[in-house]
Amino acid sequence: MQRGPALAETFPVAITPAEQRVLDLLRRGDSNRHIAAQLVLSPRTVESHVSHLLAKTGCRSRTQLLLWALAQG
């Protein structure tokens, strides 16, 4: 079985609206602190959303998560 972005492509990934907003800003290359300011969240909440996204997608790093997000369109 493959890991990382290829794993997520084989299973549907249920992302919450809040996680989607964080992912959209991650795609732009924003830092957690900048994302927190943009979404009026604490940096810790953003870290939590990123952690959930990593777990849901099977990605092991923020870079893998970005590659996965780009592959999703």
N, C-alpha and C. Protein backbone atom coordinates (compact mmCIF):
# COMPACT_ATOMS: atom_id res chain seq x y z
N MET A 1 0.84 -1.17 0.00
CA MET A 1 0.00 0.00 0.00
C MET A 1 0.88 1.24 0.00
N GLN A 2 0.50 2.24 -0.79
CA GLN A 2 1.27 3.48 -0.88
C GLN A 2 0.86 4.44 0.22
N ARG A 3 1.75 5.36 0.51
CA ARG A 3 1.45 6.38 1.52
C ARG A 3 1.56 7.75 0.90
N GLY A 4 1.10 8.75 1.64
CA GLY A 4 1.19 10.11 1.15
C GLY A 4 0.08 10.44 0.19
N PRO A 5 0.31 11.35 -0.74
CA PRO A 5 -0.73 11.80 -1.65
C PRO A 5 -1.40 10.67 -2.42
N ALA A 6 -0.66 9.65 -2.80
CA ALA A 6 -1.26 8.57 -3.58
C ALA A 6 -2.31 7.82 -2.77
N LEU A 7 -2.11 7.69 -1.47
CA LEU A 7 -3.08 7.01 -0.62
C LEU A 7 -4.40 7.78 -0.61
N ALA A 8 -4.34 9.07 -0.46
CA ALA A 8 -5.55 9.88 -0.39
C ALA A 8 -6.35 9.83 -1.68
N GLU A 9 -5.68 9.62 -2.80
CA GLU A 9 -6.39 9.57 -4.07
C GLU A 9 -7.29 8.35 -4.18
N THR A 10 -7.02 7.31 -3.40
CA THR A 10 -7.81 6.09 -3.50
C THR A 10 -9.00 6.08 -2.55
N PHE A 11 -9.04 6.99 -1.61
CA PHE A 11 -10.13 7.06 -0.64
C PHE A 11 -10.72 8.47 -0.65
N PRO A 12 -12.05 8.58 -0.54
CA PRO A 12 -12.62 9.92 -0.43
C PRO A 12 -12.20 10.55 0.90
N VAL A 13 -11.90 11.81 0.87
CA VAL A 13 -11.45 12.52 2.07
C VAL A 13 -12.51 13.55 2.44
N ALA A 14 -13.07 13.41 3.63
CA ALA A 14 -14.08 14.35 4.11
C ALA A 14 -13.39 15.48 4.86
N ILE A 15 -13.35 16.64 4.23
CA ILE A 15 -12.70 17.80 4.82
C ILE A 15 -13.78 18.79 5.26
N THR A 16 -13.65 19.28 6.49
CA THR A 16 -14.63 20.24 7.00
C THR A 16 -14.45 21.59 6.29
N PRO A 17 -15.46 22.44 6.34
CA PRO A 17 -15.31 23.78 5.74
C PRO A 17 -14.13 24.56 6.34
N ALA A 18 -13.92 24.43 7.64
CA ALA A 18 -12.80 25.14 8.27
C ALA A 18 -11.47 24.60 7.77
N GLU A 19 -11.36 23.28 7.64
CA GLU A 19 -10.14 22.68 7.11
C GLU A 19 -9.91 23.10 5.66
N GLN A 20 -10.98 23.22 4.90
CA GLN A 20 -10.86 23.65 3.51
C GLN A 20 -10.32 25.08 3.42
N ARG A 21 -10.81 25.96 4.30
CA ARG A 21 -10.31 27.34 4.30
C ARG A 21 -8.82 27.38 4.64
N VAL A 22 -8.41 26.57 5.62
CA VAL A 22 -6.99 26.50 5.98
C VAL A 22 -6.19 25.94 4.80
N LEU A 23 -6.70 24.90 4.17
CA LEU A 23 -6.00 24.30 3.04
C LEU A 23 -5.85 25.29 1.88
N ASP A 24 -6.88 26.08 1.64
CA ASP A 24 -6.80 27.09 0.57
C ASP A 24 -5.67 28.08 0.83
N LEU A 25 -5.51 28.48 2.09
CA LEU A 25 -4.44 29.43 2.42
C LEU A 25 -3.07 28.73 2.43
N LEU A 26 -3.05 27.47 2.80
CA LEU A 26 -1.79 26.71 2.71
C LEU A 26 -1.30 26.64 1.27
N ARG A 27 -2.23 26.48 0.35
CA ARG A 27 -1.86 26.42 -1.07
C ARG A 27 -1.15 27.68 -1.52
N ARG A 28 -1.49 28.80 -0.90
CA ARG A 28 -0.85 30.07 -1.24
C ARG A 28 0.53 30.20 -0.60
N GLY A 29 0.84 29.27 0.30
CA GLY A 29 2.14 29.31 0.97
C GLY A 29 2.13 30.09 2.26
N ASP A 30 0.95 30.38 2.79
CA ASP A 30 0.85 31.16 4.02
C ASP A 30 1.31 30.35 5.23
N SER A 31 1.87 31.04 6.20
CA SER A 31 2.29 30.41 7.46
C SER A 31 1.07 30.21 8.36
N ASN A 32 1.23 29.38 9.38
CA ASN A 32 0.13 29.18 10.33
C ASN A 32 -0.29 30.50 10.96
N ARG A 33 0.69 31.32 11.30
CA ARG A 33 0.39 32.61 11.93
C ARG A 33 -0.42 33.51 10.99
N HIS A 34 -0.04 33.54 9.73
CA HIS A 34 -0.76 34.37 8.76
C HIS A 34 -2.16 33.81 8.51
N ILE A 35 -2.28 32.49 8.42
CA ILE A 35 -3.59 31.87 8.24
C ILE A 35 -4.48 32.21 9.43
N ALA A 36 -3.93 32.12 10.63
CA ALA A 36 -4.69 32.45 11.84
C ALA A 36 -5.21 33.88 11.79
N ALA A 37 -4.37 34.81 11.37
CA ALA A 37 -4.78 36.21 11.28
C ALA A 37 -5.87 36.39 10.23
N GLN A 38 -5.72 35.73 9.09
CA GLN A 38 -6.70 35.86 8.01
C GLN A 38 -8.06 35.30 8.40
N LEU A 39 -8.07 34.19 9.14
CA LEU A 39 -9.32 33.52 9.48
C LEU A 39 -9.83 33.86 10.88
N VAL A 40 -9.12 34.76 11.56
CA VAL A 40 -9.44 35.17 12.92
C VAL A 40 -9.54 33.93 13.83
N LEU A 41 -8.46 33.16 13.83
CA LEU A 41 -8.32 31.97 14.66
C LEU A 41 -7.02 32.08 15.43
N SER A 42 -6.87 31.24 16.43
CA SER A 42 -5.57 31.19 17.11
C SER A 42 -4.62 30.33 16.27
N PRO A 43 -3.33 30.60 16.35
CA PRO A 43 -2.37 29.75 15.63
C PRO A 43 -2.50 28.28 16.03
N ARG A 44 -2.84 28.02 17.27
CA ARG A 44 -3.01 26.64 17.74
C ARG A 44 -4.18 25.96 17.03
N THR A 45 -5.25 26.69 16.78
CA THR A 45 -6.39 26.13 16.05
C THR A 45 -5.98 25.78 14.62
N VAL A 46 -5.20 26.65 14.00
CA VAL A 46 -4.71 26.37 12.65
C VAL A 46 -3.84 25.12 12.66
N GLU A 47 -2.95 25.01 13.65
CA GLU A 47 -2.11 23.81 13.77
C GLU A 47 -2.98 22.56 13.89
N SER A 48 -4.06 22.66 14.64
CA SER A 48 -4.97 21.53 14.81
C SER A 48 -5.61 21.14 13.48
N HIS A 49 -6.05 22.14 12.72
CA HIS A 49 -6.65 21.86 11.40
C HIS A 49 -5.62 21.21 10.47
N VAL A 50 -4.40 21.70 10.49
CA VAL A 50 -3.35 21.12 9.65
C VAL A 50 -3.09 19.67 10.07
N SER A 51 -3.04 19.42 11.37
CA SER A 51 -2.84 18.05 11.86
C SER A 51 -3.96 17.12 11.41
N HIS A 52 -5.20 17.61 11.48
CA HIS A 52 -6.34 16.81 11.03
C HIS A 52 -6.25 16.53 9.53
N LEU A 53 -5.84 17.53 8.76
CA LEU A 53 -5.69 17.34 7.32
C LEU A 53 -4.62 16.31 7.00
N LEU A 54 -3.52 16.36 7.73
CA LEU A 54 -2.44 15.38 7.53
C LEU A 54 -2.96 13.97 7.81
N ALA A 55 -3.69 13.83 8.90
CA ALA A 55 -4.22 12.51 9.28
C ALA A 55 -5.24 12.01 8.26
N LYS A 56 -6.12 12.88 7.82
CA LYS A 56 -7.18 12.48 6.88
C LYS A 56 -6.63 12.11 5.51
N THR A 57 -5.58 12.78 5.09
CA THR A 57 -5.04 12.54 3.75
C THR A 57 -3.95 11.48 3.72
N GLY A 58 -3.42 11.14 4.88
CA GLY A 58 -2.32 10.18 4.93
C GLY A 58 -0.98 10.82 4.62
N CYS A 59 -0.95 12.13 4.53
CA CYS A 59 0.31 12.84 4.27
C CYS A 59 1.14 12.89 5.55
N ARG A 60 2.44 12.91 5.37
CA ARG A 60 3.34 12.94 6.52
C ARG A 60 3.95 14.30 6.78
N SER A 61 3.80 15.21 5.86
CA SER A 61 4.39 16.53 6.03
C SER A 61 3.50 17.58 5.38
N ARG A 62 3.77 18.80 5.73
CA ARG A 62 3.05 19.93 5.14
C ARG A 62 3.30 19.98 3.63
N THR A 63 4.52 19.65 3.22
CA THR A 63 4.86 19.64 1.79
C THR A 63 4.05 18.59 1.06
N GLN A 64 3.95 17.39 1.62
CA GLN A 64 3.12 16.35 1.01
C GLN A 64 1.66 16.79 0.94
N LEU A 65 1.20 17.45 1.99
CA LEU A 65 -0.18 17.94 2.01
C LEU A 65 -0.41 18.94 0.88
N LEU A 66 0.54 19.82 0.66
CA LEU A 66 0.42 20.79 -0.43
C LEU A 66 0.40 20.10 -1.78
N LEU A 67 1.24 19.09 -1.96
CA LEU A 67 1.24 18.34 -3.22
C LEU A 67 -0.09 17.63 -3.41
N TRP A 68 -0.63 17.06 -2.34
CA TRP A 68 -1.93 16.40 -2.40
C TRP A 68 -3.01 17.41 -2.80
N ALA A 69 -2.99 18.58 -2.16
CA ALA A 69 -3.99 19.61 -2.44
C ALA A 69 -3.92 20.06 -3.90
N LEU A 70 -2.71 20.24 -4.41
CA LEU A 70 -2.55 20.64 -5.80
C LEU A 70 -3.07 19.56 -6.75
N ALA A 71 -2.86 18.30 -6.40
CA ALA A 71 -3.34 17.20 -7.24
C ALA A 71 -4.87 17.12 -7.24
N GLN A 72 -5.49 17.59 -6.15
CA GLN A 72 -6.95 17.56 -6.05
C GLN A 72 -7.61 18.66 -6.88
N GLY A 73 -6.84 19.68 -7.20
CA GLY A 73 -7.38 20.77 -8.01
C GLY A 73 -7.88 21.94 -7.26
